[in-house]
Amino acid sequence: MSINPALPQFAKLLEAAGYRRETEAECKHCGAPIVWWKTHNDKPMPMEDLGNDRFQAHFDNCKKRQAEKSNGVPRAQIPRAPASSDKLLDALELMRQAIQKLELAVKERSK
């Protein structure tokens, strides 16, 4: 079974895909509470507990880590999956705006 941990996933789906819940901790970059999981390849992955037994990879939401990895230029944020198809256009607009901000930041940095 293939899953995308960047999108919210139920714990049962993660477990069915071979993921194992390990320990709770704090992100060393931003201090947010995280839950460590082991992937089906036995690699550690920090996940955020979204409640209702749902989890999402913390890598995509850790702004401090992203800023460190990109030398201060924040990477575009991928909006969370919309709750319904009615919100899909809103999510696409947010993504378009994030891309524009990223392009501006890259232009400013290259000056």
Protein backbone atom coordinates (compact mmCIF):
# COMPACT_ATOMS: atom_id res chain seq x y z
CA MET A 1 0.00 0.00 0.00
CA SER A 2 1.40 3.40 -0.97
CA ILE A 3 0.51 6.52 1.01
CA ASN A 4 1.53 10.16 0.96
CA PRO A 5 2.43 11.20 4.54
CA ALA A 6 2.45 14.86 3.46
CA LEU A 7 -1.35 14.61 3.42
CA PRO A 8 -3.34 13.90 6.58
CA GLN A 9 -3.60 10.14 7.16
CA PHE A 10 -5.48 8.03 9.68
CA ALA A 11 -3.27 6.00 12.01
CA LYS A 12 -4.87 2.76 10.79
CA LEU A 13 -3.87 3.57 7.18
CA LEU A 14 -0.31 4.33 8.26
CA GLU A 15 -0.14 1.05 10.17
CA ALA A 16 -1.62 -0.86 7.22
CA ALA A 17 1.15 0.63 5.05
CA GLY A 18 3.79 -0.73 7.43
CA TYR A 19 4.35 2.38 9.57
CA ARG A 20 4.84 1.94 13.33
CA ARG A 21 4.10 4.56 15.97
CA GLU A 22 7.13 5.07 18.22
CA THR A 23 7.50 7.94 20.72
CA GLU A 24 6.28 11.47 21.38
CA ALA A 25 8.77 14.37 21.43
CA GLU A 26 9.28 18.02 20.49
CA CYS A 27 10.63 19.26 17.16
CA LYS A 28 14.23 20.39 17.70
CA HIS A 29 13.71 23.18 15.18
CA CYS A 30 10.40 24.77 16.22
CA GLY A 31 9.46 23.05 19.50
CA ALA A 32 6.13 21.74 18.19
CA PRO A 33 4.86 18.46 19.64
CA ILE A 34 5.52 15.56 17.26
CA VAL A 35 5.02 11.80 17.22
CA TRP A 36 7.85 9.71 15.79
CA TRP A 37 6.80 6.93 13.43
CA LYS A 38 8.95 4.32 11.66
CA THR A 39 8.20 4.02 7.95
CA HIS A 40 7.81 0.73 6.12
CA ASN A 41 11.54 1.14 5.26
CA ASP A 42 12.35 1.42 8.98
CA LYS A 43 13.25 5.13 8.70
CA PRO A 44 12.14 7.62 11.40
CA MET A 45 9.51 10.17 10.40
CA PRO A 46 8.20 13.01 12.60
CA MET A 47 4.44 13.37 12.34
CA GLU A 48 1.98 15.91 13.72
CA ASP A 49 -1.03 14.63 15.61
CA LEU A 50 -4.01 16.36 13.97
CA GLY A 51 -6.51 14.79 16.37
CA ASN A 52 -9.22 12.26 15.56
CA ASP A 53 -6.48 9.63 15.07
CA ARG A 54 -5.04 11.53 12.05
CA PHE A 55 -1.39 12.35 11.43
CA GLN A 56 0.60 14.40 8.92
CA ALA A 57 4.34 14.61 8.22
CA HIS A 58 5.85 17.47 10.24
CA PHE A 59 8.51 18.26 7.58
CA ASP A 60 6.00 20.22 5.49
CA ASN A 61 4.84 22.44 8.35
CA CYS A 62 8.07 23.19 10.23
CA LYS A 63 8.71 26.76 9.09
CA LYS A 64 11.93 27.08 11.08
CA ARG A 65 13.41 23.94 9.49
CA GLN A 66 12.34 25.11 6.04
CA ALA A 67 13.98 28.49 6.58
CA GLU A 68 17.20 26.78 7.73
CA LYS A 69 17.23 24.47 4.72
CA SER A 70 16.56 27.28 2.24
CA ASN A 71 18.97 29.83 3.77
CA GLY A 72 16.16 32.10 4.91
CA VAL A 73 13.98 31.89 1.80
CA PRO A 74 10.78 30.11 2.91
CA ARG A 75 9.58 27.32 0.67
CA ALA A 76 6.04 27.44 -0.69
CA GLN A 77 3.55 25.78 1.61
CA ILE A 78 1.35 23.09 0.14
CA PRO A 79 -2.18 23.64 1.47
CA ARG A 80 -3.71 20.73 3.33
CA ALA A 81 -6.11 18.61 1.38
CA PRO A 82 -9.50 20.35 1.23
CA ALA A 83 -12.26 18.88 3.36
CA SER A 84 -14.61 18.95 0.38
CA SER A 85 -14.40 19.61 -3.35
CA ASP A 86 -16.02 23.02 -2.72
CA LYS A 87 -12.78 24.16 -1.11
CA LEU A 88 -10.52 22.92 -3.91
CA LEU A 89 -10.48 26.30 -5.69
CA ASP A 90 -9.57 28.03 -2.43
CA ALA A 91 -6.68 25.59 -1.94
CA LEU A 92 -5.48 26.17 -5.50
CA GLU A 93 -5.59 29.94 -4.97
CA LEU A 94 -3.54 29.59 -1.78
CA MET A 95 -0.98 27.55 -3.69
CA ARG A 96 -0.83 30.15 -6.47
CA GLN A 97 -0.24 32.89 -3.89
CA ALA A 98 2.48 30.83 -2.18
CA ILE A 99 4.24 30.33 -5.52
CA GLN A 100 4.09 34.07 -6.22
CA LYS A 101 5.60 34.83 -2.79
CA LEU A 102 8.35 32.32 -3.39
CA GLU A 103 9.14 33.79 -6.81
CA LEU A 104 9.35 37.29 -5.28
CA ALA A 105 11.63 36.06 -2.50
CA VAL A 106 13.93 34.40 -5.04
CA LYS A 107 14.04 37.59 -7.15
CA GLU A 108 14.85 39.72 -4.08
CA ARG A 109 17.58 37.31 -3.05
CA SER A 110 19.18 37.30 -6.50
CA LYS A 111 19.55 41.12 -6.56
